[in-house]
Amino acid sequence: MAGWHPPSSPTAPARGIWTLKLSYQRPENGEQVILALATAAAALPTVAAAAPLPTWYGSYVWEENVGRHGGDAPGEGIVAFRTYTLRLGPSAGATGCLLTGEGFQLYERLQCTATPEMDSVVIKYYNFRNAGPYAMGAPLFRMTRTNHGLVTRLQALRPGSDLTRTTGRLFRPAR
């Protein structure tokens, strides 16, 4: 008879140990054979947990240089910038995540969601009406804490210039 036998006797294994017992009778001599397999829950590998979202609360800023515009020579014209500000936490609205973009040919205010994953947080677009510049739930970017600082990997959010890298130290904590 196969089955799980709970540790109920005084000689039962310690808590957290599961024992699977299988038994059968040998047809040639009627002898009962019992096979037992014990596993310790504590010995199983564990998956590292993501940092809780409150450890990411605060404001982050990315100032993107989108190059020179105007003028007759390469050194003339204005240098244009775009500034993205990410706010995470209860003060950032209903979803706890707000991304604003302002600057050269840009004015955006995007509701978003923040999902922690290991040493990272994934910022996704959120719009109840499923309207806007991105698909609902589209990952805009990922920020990862490393020994060298905060590293951002842009996804659906695209830079304003072809010269801007899509991975690197883009966002920084606001002071």
C-alpha atoms as a PDB file:
ATOM      1  CA  MET A   1       0.000   0.000   0.000  1.00  0.00           C
ATOM      2  CA  ALA A   2       1.521   3.304  -1.055  1.00  0.00           C
ATOM      3  CA  GLY A   3       0.868   6.535   0.750  1.00  0.00           C
ATOM      4  CA  TRP A   4       2.124   9.352   2.881  1.00  0.00           C
ATOM      5  CA  HIS A   5       2.497   8.584   6.561  1.00  0.00           C
ATOM      6  CA  PRO A   6       2.446  11.683   8.777  1.00  0.00           C
ATOM      7  CA  PRO A   7       5.020  11.884  11.548  1.00  0.00           C
ATOM      8  CA  SER A   8       2.720  10.939  14.423  1.00  0.00           C
ATOM      9  CA  SER A   9       4.698   8.437  16.461  1.00  0.00           C
ATOM     10  CA  PRO A  10       7.389   9.307  19.022  1.00  0.00           C
ATOM     11  CA  THR A  11      10.009   7.932  16.641  1.00  0.00           C
ATOM     12  CA  ALA A  12       8.739  10.012  13.705  1.00  0.00           C
ATOM     13  CA  PRO A  13      11.239  12.153  11.833  1.00  0.00           C
ATOM     14  CA  ALA A  14      11.697  15.797  12.793  1.00  0.00           C
ATOM     15  CA  ARG A  15       9.243  18.430  11.596  1.00  0.00           C
ATOM     16  CA  GLY A  16       9.829  19.386   7.963  1.00  0.00           C
ATOM     17  CA  ILE A  17      10.796  15.832   6.946  1.00  0.00           C
ATOM     18  CA  TRP A  18       8.366  14.059   4.628  1.00  0.00           C
ATOM     19  CA  THR A  19       8.528  10.297   4.240  1.00  0.00           C
ATOM     20  CA  LEU A  20       6.985   8.468   1.309  1.00  0.00           C
ATOM     21  CA  LYS A  21       6.496   4.766   2.050  1.00  0.00           C
ATOM     22  CA  LEU A  22       5.757   2.169  -0.607  1.00  0.00           C
ATOM     23  CA  SER A  23       5.105  -1.442   0.254  1.00  0.00           C
ATOM     24  CA  TYR A  24       4.289  -4.607  -1.695  1.00  0.00           C
ATOM     25  CA  GLN A  25       4.206  -8.348  -1.222  1.00  0.00           C
ATOM     26  CA  ARG A  26       6.547 -10.576  -3.157  1.00  0.00           C
ATOM     27  CA  PRO A  27       4.452 -13.152  -5.013  1.00  0.00           C
ATOM     28  CA  GLU A  28       7.060 -15.923  -4.675  1.00  0.00           C
ATOM     29  CA  ASN A  29       7.196 -15.983  -0.854  1.00  0.00           C
ATOM     30  CA  GLY A  30       4.610 -13.453   0.440  1.00  0.00           C
ATOM     31  CA  GLU A  31       7.330 -11.339   2.062  1.00  0.00           C
ATOM     32  CA  GLN A  32       6.329  -7.686   2.696  1.00  0.00           C
ATOM     33  CA  VAL A  33       8.838  -5.196   1.257  1.00  0.00           C
ATOM     34  CA  ILE A  34       8.754  -1.537   2.345  1.00  0.00           C
ATOM     35  CA  LEU A  35      10.576   1.213   0.482  1.00  0.00           C
ATOM     36  CA  ALA A  36      10.876   4.584   2.175  1.00  0.00           C
ATOM     37  CA  LEU A  37      12.045   7.901   0.767  1.00  0.00           C
ATOM     38  CA  ALA A  38      12.619  10.818   3.130  1.00  0.00           C
ATOM     39  CA  THR A  39      13.130  14.402   2.026  1.00  0.00           C
ATOM     40  CA  ALA A  40      14.126  17.306   4.172  1.00  0.00           C
ATOM     41  CA  ALA A  41      12.445  20.584   3.324  1.00  0.00           C
ATOM     42  CA  ALA A  42      15.391  22.491   4.744  1.00  0.00           C
ATOM     43  CA  ALA A  43      17.790  20.749   2.366  1.00  0.00           C
ATOM     44  CA  LEU A  44      15.923  21.823  -0.753  1.00  0.00           C
ATOM     45  CA  PRO A  45      17.378  24.735  -2.695  1.00  0.00           C
ATOM     46  CA  THR A  46      15.578  28.009  -2.190  1.00  0.00           C
ATOM     47  CA  VAL A  47      14.852  30.676  -4.757  1.00  0.00           C
ATOM     48  CA  ALA A  48      16.228  34.096  -3.911  1.00  0.00           C
ATOM     49  CA  ALA A  49      13.437  36.545  -3.242  1.00  0.00           C
ATOM     50  CA  ALA A  50      13.027  39.912  -4.888  1.00  0.00           C
ATOM     51  CA  ALA A  51      13.720  43.017  -2.842  1.00  0.00           C
ATOM     52  CA  PRO A  52      10.406  44.383  -1.553  1.00  0.00           C
ATOM     53  CA  LEU A  53       8.981  47.256  -3.575  1.00  0.00           C
ATOM     54  CA  PRO A  54       9.280  49.818  -0.731  1.00  0.00           C
ATOM     55  CA  THR A  55      13.079  49.553  -1.025  1.00  0.00           C
ATOM     56  CA  TRP A  56      12.633  51.196  -4.451  1.00  0.00           C
ATOM     57  CA  TYR A  57      10.369  54.040  -3.255  1.00  0.00           C
ATOM     58  CA  GLY A  58      11.594  57.492  -4.206  1.00  0.00           C
ATOM     59  CA  SER A  59      12.316  59.552  -7.300  1.00  0.00           C
ATOM     60  CA  TYR A  60      14.718  58.767 -10.128  1.00  0.00           C
ATOM     61  CA  VAL A  61      15.845  61.110 -12.911  1.00  0.00           C
ATOM     62  CA  TRP A  62      17.321  60.537 -16.381  1.00  0.00           C
ATOM     63  CA  GLU A  63      18.577  63.543 -18.317  1.00  0.00           C
ATOM     64  CA  GLU A  64      19.054  62.608 -21.955  1.00  0.00           C
ATOM     65  CA  ASN A  65      21.143  64.755 -24.292  1.00  0.00           C
ATOM     66  CA  VAL A  66      19.387  64.485 -27.664  1.00  0.00           C
ATOM     67  CA  GLY A  67      22.046  66.476 -29.520  1.00  0.00           C
ATOM     68  CA  ARG A  68      22.378  69.849 -31.212  1.00  0.00           C
ATOM     69  CA  HIS A  69      19.490  71.275 -33.211  1.00  0.00           C
ATOM     70  CA  GLY A  70      19.543  74.233 -35.582  1.00  0.00           C
ATOM     71  CA  GLY A  71      22.458  76.335 -36.750  1.00  0.00           C
ATOM     72  CA  ASP A  72      24.494  76.269 -39.922  1.00  0.00           C
ATOM     73  CA  ALA A  73      27.616  74.608 -38.494  1.00  0.00           C
ATOM     74  CA  PRO A  74      28.039  71.551 -36.225  1.00  0.00           C
ATOM     75  CA  GLY A  75      29.029  73.776 -33.276  1.00  0.00           C
ATOM     76  CA  GLU A  76      26.053  76.085 -33.664  1.00  0.00           C
ATOM     77  CA  GLY A  77      22.488  75.640 -32.517  1.00  0.00           C
ATOM     78  CA  ILE A  78      21.039  74.598 -29.210  1.00  0.00           C
ATOM     79  CA  VAL A  79      21.823  71.469 -27.253  1.00  0.00           C
ATOM     80  CA  ALA A  80      18.493  69.793 -26.545  1.00  0.00           C
ATOM     81  CA  PHE A  81      17.657  67.671 -23.528  1.00  0.00           C
ATOM     82  CA  ARG A  82      14.840  65.465 -22.323  1.00  0.00           C
ATOM     83  CA  THR A  83      14.295  64.804 -18.633  1.00  0.00           C
ATOM     84  CA  TYR A  84      12.457  61.713 -17.430  1.00  0.00           C
ATOM     85  CA  THR A  85      11.367  61.564 -13.795  1.00  0.00           C
ATOM     86  CA  LEU A  86      10.150  58.319 -12.238  1.00  0.00           C
ATOM     87  CA  ARG A  87       8.290  58.473  -8.922  1.00  0.00           C
ATOM     88  CA  LEU A  88       7.655  55.273  -6.978  1.00  0.00           C
ATOM     89  CA  GLY A  89       5.596  55.044  -3.800  1.00  0.00           C
ATOM     90  CA  PRO A  90       2.217  55.991  -2.348  1.00  0.00           C
ATOM     91  CA  SER A  91       2.601  59.643  -3.402  1.00  0.00           C
ATOM     92  CA  ALA A  92       2.860  58.625  -7.090  1.00  0.00           C
ATOM     93  CA  GLY A  93      -0.862  58.068  -7.620  1.00  0.00           C
ATOM     94  CA  ALA A  94      -3.177  55.076  -7.686  1.00  0.00           C
ATOM     95  CA  THR A  95      -0.618  52.628  -9.086  1.00  0.00           C
ATOM     96  CA  GLY A  96       2.296  53.939  -6.997  1.00  0.00           C
ATOM     97  CA  CYS A  97       4.271  54.589 -10.184  1.00  0.00           C
ATOM     98  CA  LEU A  98       4.401  57.724 -12.342  1.00  0.00           C
ATOM     99  CA  LEU A  99       6.795  58.486 -15.210  1.00  0.00           C
ATOM    100  CA  THR A 100       6.971  61.999 -16.646  1.00  0.00           C
ATOM    101  CA  GLY A 101       9.001  63.106 -19.627  1.00  0.00           C
ATOM    102  CA  GLU A 102       9.652  66.751 -20.486  1.00  0.00           C
ATOM    103  CA  GLY A 103      11.982  68.581 -22.802  1.00  0.00           C
ATOM    104  CA  PHE A 104      12.752  68.783 -26.479  1.00  0.00           C
ATOM    105  CA  GLN A 105       9.552  67.837 -28.374  1.00  0.00           C
ATOM    106  CA  LEU A 106       8.339  65.802 -25.403  1.00  0.00           C
ATOM    107  CA  TYR A 107       5.701  66.144 -22.734  1.00  0.00           C
ATOM    108  CA  GLU A 108       4.459  62.812 -21.353  1.00  0.00           C
ATOM    109  CA  ARG A 109       2.812  61.783 -18.128  1.00  0.00           C
ATOM    110  CA  LEU A 110       2.515  58.002 -17.936  1.00  0.00           C
ATOM    111  CA  GLN A 111       0.913  55.910 -15.244  1.00  0.00           C
ATOM    112  CA  CYS A 112       2.933  52.772 -14.687  1.00  0.00           C
ATOM    113  CA  THR A 113       3.358  49.771 -12.422  1.00  0.00           C
ATOM    114  CA  ALA A 114       6.538  48.615 -10.701  1.00  0.00           C
ATOM    115  CA  THR A 115       7.325  44.921 -10.268  1.00  0.00           C
ATOM    116  CA  PRO A 116      10.375  43.899  -8.219  1.00  0.00           C
ATOM    117  CA  GLU A 117      12.431  40.987  -9.591  1.00  0.00           C
ATOM    118  CA  MET A 118      15.586  39.981  -7.700  1.00  0.00           C
ATOM    119  CA  ASP A 119      17.861  43.096  -7.672  1.00  0.00           C
ATOM    120  CA  SER A 120      15.710  44.835 -10.291  1.00  0.00           C
ATOM    121  CA  VAL A 121      12.437  46.642 -10.673  1.00  0.00           C
ATOM    122  CA  VAL A 122      10.496  46.421 -13.950  1.00  0.00           C
ATOM    123  CA  ILE A 123       8.507  49.521 -14.894  1.00  0.00           C
ATOM    124  CA  LYS A 124       5.463  48.703 -17.067  1.00  0.00           C
ATOM    125  CA  TYR A 125       2.990  50.966 -18.833  1.00  0.00           C
ATOM    126  CA  TYR A 126      -0.474  51.138 -17.267  1.00  0.00           C
ATOM    127  CA  ASN A 127      -3.578  52.682 -18.781  1.00  0.00           C
ATOM    128  CA  PHE A 128      -7.031  51.524 -17.794  1.00  0.00           C
ATOM    129  CA  ARG A 129      -8.526  52.534 -21.159  1.00  0.00           C
ATOM    130  CA  ASN A 130      -5.752  50.654 -23.009  1.00  0.00           C
ATOM    131  CA  ALA A 131      -4.992  53.762 -25.014  1.00  0.00           C
ATOM    132  CA  GLY A 132      -1.739  55.605 -25.328  1.00  0.00           C
ATOM    133  CA  PRO A 133       1.726  55.308 -26.787  1.00  0.00           C
ATOM    134  CA  TYR A 134       2.369  51.770 -25.484  1.00  0.00           C
ATOM    135  CA  ALA A 135       0.437  48.530 -25.095  1.00  0.00           C
ATOM    136  CA  MET A 136      -1.043  47.907 -21.649  1.00  0.00           C
ATOM    137  CA  GLY A 137       1.557  46.133 -19.501  1.00  0.00           C
ATOM    138  CA  ALA A 138       4.415  46.778 -21.921  1.00  0.00           C
ATOM    139  CA  PRO A 139       7.735  46.812 -20.022  1.00  0.00           C
ATOM    140  CA  LEU A 140       9.103  50.338 -20.454  1.00  0.00           C
ATOM    141  CA  PHE A 141      12.437  49.646 -18.772  1.00  0.00           C
ATOM    142  CA  ARG A 142      14.202  47.743 -16.019  1.00  0.00           C
ATOM    143  CA  MET A 143      16.424  49.255 -13.323  1.00  0.00           C
ATOM    144  CA  THR A 144      18.938  46.982 -11.588  1.00  0.00           C
ATOM    145  CA  ARG A 145      21.058  47.694  -8.533  1.00  0.00           C
ATOM    146  CA  THR A 146      24.655  46.620  -9.138  1.00  0.00           C
ATOM    147  CA  ASN A 147      28.001  47.140  -7.403  1.00  0.00           C
ATOM    148  CA  HIS A 148      28.622  49.912  -9.949  1.00  0.00           C
ATOM    149  CA  GLY A 149      25.345  51.754  -9.320  1.00  0.00           C
ATOM    150  CA  LEU A 150      21.921  51.742 -10.878  1.00  0.00           C
ATOM    151  CA  VAL A 151      21.820  50.238 -14.392  1.00  0.00           C
ATOM    152  CA  THR A 152      18.829  50.840 -16.668  1.00  0.00           C
ATOM    153  CA  ARG A 153      17.860  48.709 -19.663  1.00  0.00           C
ATOM    154  CA  LEU A 154      15.341  50.463 -21.898  1.00  0.00           C
ATOM    155  CA  GLN A 155      12.670  48.292 -23.479  1.00  0.00           C
ATOM    156  CA  ALA A 156       9.472  49.877 -24.894  1.00  0.00           C
ATOM    157  CA  LEU A 157      10.637  53.342 -23.813  1.00  0.00           C
ATOM    158  CA  ARG A 158      12.940  54.470 -26.593  1.00  0.00           C
ATOM    159  CA  PRO A 159      15.597  57.181 -26.371  1.00  0.00           C
ATOM    160  CA  GLY A 160      15.117  60.460 -28.230  1.00  0.00           C
ATOM    161  CA  SER A 161      18.457  60.137 -30.022  1.00  0.00           C
ATOM    162  CA  ASP A 162      20.093  57.310 -31.960  1.00  0.00           C
ATOM    163  CA  LEU A 163      23.292  58.138 -30.068  1.00  0.00           C
ATOM    164  CA  THR A 164      21.781  57.315 -26.652  1.00  0.00           C
ATOM    165  CA  ARG A 165      22.617  53.860 -25.354  1.00  0.00           C
ATOM    166  CA  THR A 166      19.674  51.664 -24.364  1.00  0.00           C
ATOM    167  CA  THR A 167      21.539  50.065 -21.445  1.00  0.00           C
ATOM    168  CA  GLY A 168      23.664  51.846 -18.892  1.00  0.00           C
ATOM    169  CA  ARG A 169      23.624  54.288 -16.012  1.00  0.00           C
ATOM    170  CA  LEU A 170      20.649  56.295 -17.247  1.00  0.00           C
ATOM    171  CA  PHE A 171      18.320  56.833 -14.263  1.00  0.00           C
ATOM    172  CA  ARG A 172      19.842  58.031 -10.997  1.00  0.00           C
ATOM    173  CA  PRO A 173      18.225  58.613  -7.620  1.00  0.00           C
ATOM    174  CA  ALA A 174      16.977  62.207  -7.339  1.00  0.00           C
ATOM    175  CA  ARG A 175      18.443  64.255  -4.529  1.00  0.00           C
END
